[in-house]
Amino acid sequence: MAKYNKRYYKRKPSAEDEIIGLVSVASVFLLFYFWQYALAIIIILILFKLILFINDCDIFSKFKESKLYYQGDSGKKYLSQLEKEQQEGKNNQYNINCLKKGLFGENKVLYTLMHMEYPMYIMHDIKLQCKNNKAQIDFIVVTKKNIYILEVKDLNGNIDIEDDGTITRISGKYKQGIKNPLTQNNDHVKVIKSIFKKERIYGSIHSLLIFANDSNYIRFKKGTNGYKNKIFRNDKLEENMIKMENKKHIIRQEKKMKYICDSILKYQIEENIEKEYFIDDIRLYENDY
């Protein structure tokens, strides 16, 4: 039988292999001759991370709980107006019930915020105007890391949310498509951003929709991931806010938080703008009574 000699072939290095080799050699060379600088950079990074950790622990601050910084009364005043009109035969009990339901939902959310063991300033039921833009905002929450604009709805039934933000309320066999309240709340955010621009205030602003009825079942359909961190029930409010807080480092202390609240209150108005917001709520609650 014929013998065959095995032949071994060396693969010619590719351009990519040569580049990797050169980078490796250069890295070893730089590390060997400049290891002091590399070590200094590593130490600086470790110290920076340690400082951020100590800052986030907020060890030296005495401000550890939520505080109500401002409590508006426009909702209560409007309720008194409707009750007076009812006595004069100009209004009906249905409108009064709708407003009471909305106020009840806001009070539930306020209770949740006030019992969160987390440092924050809460402003409730506030009317603002910046330039030609007006807003009646349910809640503005200022923390050491973020600013939250909360829109509260107290609806019966379950909630379906489509990928385009369309919201359907389902109560038994009854289905009702409703305007996404986040659209309205985003207009509120624009007013706050206008105020911040004039006052030179910087920080992240989050627009949140809170369903005050803890019995609601909220179903997010496929493609709605962008709404899952913006829409949730009142009983999930603390859990989700803490998640958002943990994603950032502390950027302001209590003095700065007060300054932000005071700056917002400078744009407060007394003008009666409740009715235009209340009309939308009547449509929302039409199947609840």
Protein backbone atom coordinates (compact mmCIF):
# COMPACT_ATOMS: atom_id res chain seq x y z
CA MET A 1 0.00 0.00 0.00
CA ALA A 2 1.16 3.46 -0.87
CA LYS A 3 2.08 5.75 2.00
CA TYR A 4 0.80 9.27 2.01
CA ASN A 5 2.55 11.99 3.92
CA LYS A 6 0.32 14.31 5.92
CA ARG A 7 0.61 17.90 4.95
CA TYR A 8 -0.01 20.72 7.38
CA TYR A 9 -0.90 24.16 6.14
CA LYS A 10 -0.56 27.34 8.14
CA ARG A 11 -3.46 29.77 7.80
CA LYS A 12 -2.28 33.14 6.65
CA PRO A 13 -3.15 35.76 9.31
CA SER A 14 -5.97 38.00 8.25
CA ALA A 15 -5.96 41.79 8.61
CA GLU A 16 -8.32 41.45 11.57
CA ASP A 17 -5.91 39.07 13.34
CA GLU A 18 -3.03 41.48 12.78
CA ILE A 19 -5.03 44.38 14.22
CA ILE A 20 -6.00 42.35 17.31
CA GLY A 21 -2.36 41.36 17.77
CA LEU A 22 -1.14 44.95 17.49
CA VAL A 23 -3.78 46.18 19.96
CA SER A 24 -2.84 43.42 22.43
CA VAL A 25 0.87 44.26 22.18
CA ALA A 26 0.16 47.96 22.54
CA SER A 27 -2.06 47.35 25.58
CA VAL A 28 0.62 45.26 27.31
CA PHE A 29 3.24 47.91 26.46
CA LEU A 30 1.12 50.76 27.83
CA LEU A 31 0.17 48.80 30.95
CA PHE A 32 3.83 47.91 31.59
CA TYR A 33 5.17 51.45 31.24
CA PHE A 34 2.17 53.40 32.53
CA TRP A 35 0.76 51.04 35.17
CA GLN A 36 0.86 53.85 37.76
CA TYR A 37 -1.59 55.90 35.70
CA ALA A 38 -3.85 52.90 35.11
CA LEU A 39 -3.87 52.17 38.84
CA ALA A 40 -4.66 55.82 39.61
CA ILE A 41 -7.61 55.77 37.19
CA ILE A 42 -8.95 52.56 38.77
CA ILE A 43 -8.67 54.08 42.27
CA ILE A 44 -10.43 57.27 41.14
CA LEU A 45 -13.29 55.24 39.63
CA ILE A 46 -13.64 53.19 42.84
CA LEU A 47 -13.69 56.36 44.97
CA PHE A 48 -16.25 57.96 42.64
CA LYS A 49 -18.54 54.92 42.94
CA LEU A 50 -18.06 54.92 46.73
CA ILE A 51 -19.00 58.61 46.97
CA LEU A 52 -22.13 58.00 44.87
CA PHE A 53 -23.06 55.07 47.12
CA ILE A 54 -22.66 57.14 50.32
CA ASN A 55 -24.60 60.00 48.75
CA ASP A 56 -27.45 57.68 47.75
CA CYS A 57 -27.59 56.23 51.26
CA ASP A 58 -28.46 59.78 52.38
CA ILE A 59 -26.98 59.05 55.81
CA PHE A 60 -26.73 62.61 57.11
CA SER A 61 -30.13 63.90 55.96
CA LYS A 62 -32.96 64.19 58.51
CA PHE A 63 -35.54 64.42 55.72
CA LYS A 64 -36.74 60.82 55.49
CA GLU A 65 -40.50 60.99 54.87
CA SER A 66 -43.10 62.50 52.56
CA LYS A 67 -44.53 65.95 53.31
CA LEU A 68 -47.55 67.77 51.92
CA TYR A 69 -46.09 71.03 50.63
CA TYR A 70 -49.26 72.46 49.08
CA GLN A 71 -52.94 71.50 49.33
CA GLY A 72 -55.30 73.15 46.87
CA ASP A 73 -59.05 73.42 47.33
CA SER A 74 -60.33 74.09 43.82
CA GLY A 75 -62.03 70.68 43.68
CA LYS A 76 -63.87 71.25 46.96
CA LYS A 77 -64.88 74.77 45.91
CA TYR A 78 -66.25 73.50 42.62
CA LEU A 79 -68.19 70.79 44.46
CA SER A 80 -69.73 73.43 46.72
CA GLN A 81 -70.66 75.43 43.61
CA LEU A 82 -72.37 72.42 42.02
CA GLU A 83 -74.29 71.66 45.22
CA LYS A 84 -75.45 75.27 45.41
CA GLU A 85 -76.56 75.15 41.76
CA GLN A 86 -78.45 71.92 42.49
CA GLN A 87 -80.43 73.68 45.22
CA GLU A 88 -81.29 76.37 42.68
CA GLY A 89 -82.34 73.74 40.14
CA LYS A 90 -79.42 74.48 37.80
CA ASN A 91 -77.57 71.21 38.28
CA ASN A 92 -78.23 67.53 38.95
CA GLN A 93 -76.99 64.89 41.38
CA TYR A 94 -75.24 62.96 38.60
CA ASN A 95 -72.65 65.72 38.05
CA ILE A 96 -72.09 66.00 41.79
CA ASN A 97 -71.54 62.24 42.10
CA CYS A 98 -68.99 62.30 39.27
CA LEU A 99 -67.00 65.07 40.91
CA LYS A 100 -67.15 63.35 44.31
CA LYS A 101 -65.84 60.14 42.75
CA GLY A 102 -62.90 62.00 41.22
CA LEU A 103 -62.07 63.73 44.51
CA PHE A 104 -62.35 60.43 46.39
CA GLY A 105 -59.83 58.84 44.02
CA GLU A 106 -57.40 61.72 44.52
CA ASN A 107 -57.69 61.41 48.30
CA LYS A 108 -56.82 57.70 48.06
CA VAL A 109 -53.67 58.51 46.08
CA LEU A 110 -52.80 61.30 48.51
CA TYR A 111 -53.08 58.82 51.38
CA THR A 112 -50.70 56.45 49.58
CA LEU A 113 -48.15 59.20 48.94
CA MET A 114 -48.31 60.52 52.49
CA HIS A 115 -47.63 57.06 53.92
CA MET A 116 -44.63 56.34 51.75
CA GLU A 117 -41.48 56.28 53.87
CA TYR A 118 -39.55 58.20 51.27
CA PRO A 119 -38.42 61.86 51.23
CA MET A 120 -40.67 63.85 48.90
CA TYR A 121 -42.69 67.02 48.69
CA ILE A 122 -46.28 66.67 47.48
CA MET A 123 -48.39 69.37 45.85
CA HIS A 124 -52.05 68.46 45.38
CA ASP A 125 -54.76 70.12 43.27
CA ILE A 126 -52.80 72.98 41.79
CA LYS A 127 -53.72 75.35 38.94
CA LEU A 128 -50.87 76.86 36.95
CA GLN A 129 -50.32 79.16 34.00
CA CYS A 130 -47.11 79.82 32.09
CA LYS A 131 -47.38 82.09 29.07
CA ASN A 132 -50.70 81.14 27.43
CA ASN A 133 -50.76 77.56 28.70
CA LYS A 134 -52.89 76.58 31.70
CA ALA A 135 -53.11 73.35 33.66
CA GLN A 136 -55.00 71.91 36.59
CA ILE A 137 -52.73 69.21 37.96
CA ASP A 138 -53.79 66.49 40.39
CA PHE A 139 -50.34 65.93 41.91
CA ILE A 140 -46.79 67.22 41.54
CA VAL A 141 -44.29 65.14 43.51
CA VAL A 142 -40.72 66.38 43.98
CA THR A 143 -38.08 63.95 45.23
CA LYS A 144 -34.31 64.17 45.52
CA LYS A 145 -33.98 62.42 42.18
CA ASN A 146 -37.08 63.02 40.03
CA ILE A 147 -40.23 65.05 39.54
CA TYR A 148 -43.55 63.28 38.95
CA ILE A 149 -46.74 64.67 37.44
CA LEU A 150 -49.67 62.43 38.44
CA GLU A 151 -53.07 62.24 36.76
CA VAL A 152 -55.60 60.28 38.81
CA LYS A 153 -58.71 58.47 37.55
CA ASP A 154 -61.09 56.42 39.71
CA LEU A 155 -62.86 54.08 37.28
CA ASN A 156 -64.94 50.96 37.80
CA GLY A 157 -64.26 47.87 35.70
CA ASN A 158 -61.11 46.60 34.03
CA ILE A 159 -58.72 48.45 31.74
CA ASP A 160 -57.28 47.34 28.38
CA ILE A 161 -54.38 49.32 26.94
CA GLU A 162 -53.48 49.00 23.24
CA ASP A 163 -50.05 49.51 21.72
CA ASP A 164 -51.06 52.97 20.42
CA GLY A 165 -52.16 54.08 23.90
CA THR A 166 -55.90 53.58 23.30
CA ILE A 167 -57.65 52.72 26.56
CA THR A 168 -60.80 50.62 26.78
CA ARG A 169 -62.76 50.31 30.00
CA ILE A 170 -64.67 47.03 30.41
CA SER A 171 -67.43 46.69 32.97
CA GLY A 172 -69.45 43.50 32.49
CA LYS A 173 -70.72 43.52 28.90
CA TYR A 174 -70.18 47.26 28.64
CA LYS A 175 -67.11 48.53 26.78
CA GLN A 176 -66.08 52.16 26.58
CA GLY A 177 -63.16 53.60 24.67
CA ILE A 178 -61.75 56.58 26.54
CA LYS A 179 -59.24 59.26 25.73
CA ASN A 180 -55.88 58.37 27.23
CA PRO A 181 -55.49 60.67 30.27
CA LEU A 182 -51.74 60.63 29.69
CA THR A 183 -52.37 62.86 26.67
CA GLN A 184 -53.86 65.47 28.99
CA ASN A 185 -51.10 64.91 31.52
CA ASN A 186 -48.42 65.42 28.88
CA ASP A 187 -49.90 68.90 28.34
CA HIS A 188 -49.41 69.46 32.07
CA VAL A 189 -45.78 68.37 31.72
CA LYS A 190 -45.30 70.98 28.98
CA VAL A 191 -46.47 73.71 31.38
CA ILE A 192 -44.03 72.47 34.04
CA LYS A 193 -41.19 72.36 31.50
CA SER A 194 -41.99 75.95 30.48
CA ILE A 195 -41.79 77.00 34.13
CA PHE A 196 -38.50 75.15 34.59
CA LYS A 197 -37.05 76.80 31.51
CA LYS A 198 -37.89 80.26 32.85
CA GLU A 199 -36.65 79.43 36.35
CA ARG A 200 -33.59 77.52 35.11
CA ILE A 201 -34.51 74.32 36.91
CA TYR A 202 -33.18 71.01 35.64
CA GLY A 203 -34.32 67.46 36.34
CA SER A 204 -36.21 64.46 35.01
CA ILE A 205 -40.00 64.79 34.77
CA HIS A 206 -42.18 61.66 34.69
CA SER A 207 -45.80 61.68 33.54
CA LEU A 208 -47.81 59.00 35.37
CA LEU A 209 -51.44 57.84 35.16
CA ILE A 210 -52.75 56.32 38.39
CA PHE A 211 -55.99 54.34 38.59
CA ALA A 212 -57.25 54.87 42.13
CA ASN A 213 -59.52 51.82 42.12
CA ASP A 214 -57.34 48.99 43.45
CA SER A 215 -59.83 46.45 42.04
CA ASN A 216 -59.04 47.44 38.45
CA TYR A 217 -57.36 44.78 36.34
CA ILE A 218 -55.02 46.51 33.90
CA ARG A 219 -54.12 44.47 30.83
CA PHE A 220 -51.28 45.69 28.64
CA LYS A 221 -51.51 44.20 25.17
CA LYS A 222 -48.47 43.34 23.03
CA GLY A 223 -46.29 46.28 22.15
CA THR A 224 -47.34 48.40 25.14
CA ASN A 225 -44.09 48.12 27.09
CA GLY A 226 -43.67 51.89 26.91
CA TYR A 227 -46.81 52.33 29.01
CA LYS A 228 -46.06 49.77 31.72
CA ASN A 229 -43.87 52.19 33.65
CA LYS A 230 -46.34 55.07 33.22
CA ILE A 231 -49.72 53.51 34.06
CA PHE A 232 -50.51 51.55 37.20
CA ARG A 233 -52.95 51.16 40.08
CA ASN A 234 -52.77 53.10 43.30
CA ASP A 235 -51.68 50.03 45.26
CA LYS A 236 -48.65 49.68 42.94
CA LEU A 237 -47.70 53.37 43.10
CA GLU A 238 -45.08 53.08 45.85
CA GLU A 239 -43.46 50.00 44.32
CA ASN A 240 -43.11 51.59 40.88
CA MET A 241 -41.93 54.97 42.15
CA ILE A 242 -39.21 53.31 44.23
CA LYS A 243 -38.07 51.40 41.13
CA MET A 244 -37.76 54.66 39.19
CA GLU A 245 -35.96 56.31 42.11
CA ASN A 246 -33.43 53.48 42.38
CA LYS A 247 -32.38 54.00 38.77
CA LYS A 248 -30.90 57.43 39.53
CA HIS A 249 -28.47 59.02 41.95
CA ILE A 250 -29.44 61.84 44.31
CA ILE A 251 -29.07 65.18 42.55
CA ARG A 252 -30.74 67.58 45.01
CA GLN A 253 -31.17 68.12 48.73
CA GLU A 254 -34.17 69.41 50.69
CA LYS A 255 -33.33 73.07 50.15
CA LYS A 256 -33.34 72.62 46.38
CA MET A 257 -36.60 70.65 46.56
CA LYS A 258 -38.24 73.55 48.39
CA TYR A 259 -36.90 75.94 45.78
CA ILE A 260 -38.49 73.87 43.00
CA CYS A 261 -41.86 73.82 44.79
CA ASP A 262 -41.76 77.57 45.49
CA SER A 263 -40.81 78.26 41.86
CA ILE A 264 -43.82 76.26 40.63
CA LEU A 265 -46.17 78.03 43.05
CA LYS A 266 -45.13 81.40 41.61
CA TYR A 267 -47.20 80.47 38.52
CA GLN A 268 -50.30 79.51 40.47
CA ILE A 269 -53.59 81.04 39.32
CA GLU A 270 -57.00 81.43 40.98
CA GLU A 271 -58.94 81.43 37.73
CA ASN A 272 -61.79 78.90 37.56
CA ILE A 273 -60.69 76.35 34.95
CA GLU A 274 -62.23 73.30 36.66
CA LYS A 275 -65.23 73.00 34.35
CA GLU A 276 -63.28 72.20 31.18
CA TYR A 277 -61.47 69.36 32.99
CA PHE A 278 -64.63 68.17 34.72
CA ILE A 279 -66.47 67.63 31.41
CA ASP A 280 -63.99 64.86 30.48
CA ASP A 281 -64.53 63.20 33.88
CA ILE A 282 -68.31 63.15 33.37
CA ARG A 283 -67.80 61.12 30.19
CA LEU A 284 -65.45 58.76 32.02
CA TYR A 285 -67.84 58.05 34.86
CA GLU A 286 -71.05 57.86 32.82
CA ASN A 287 -71.36 54.09 33.32
CA ASP A 288 -70.68 54.21 37.07
CA TYR A 289 -74.04 55.69 38.08
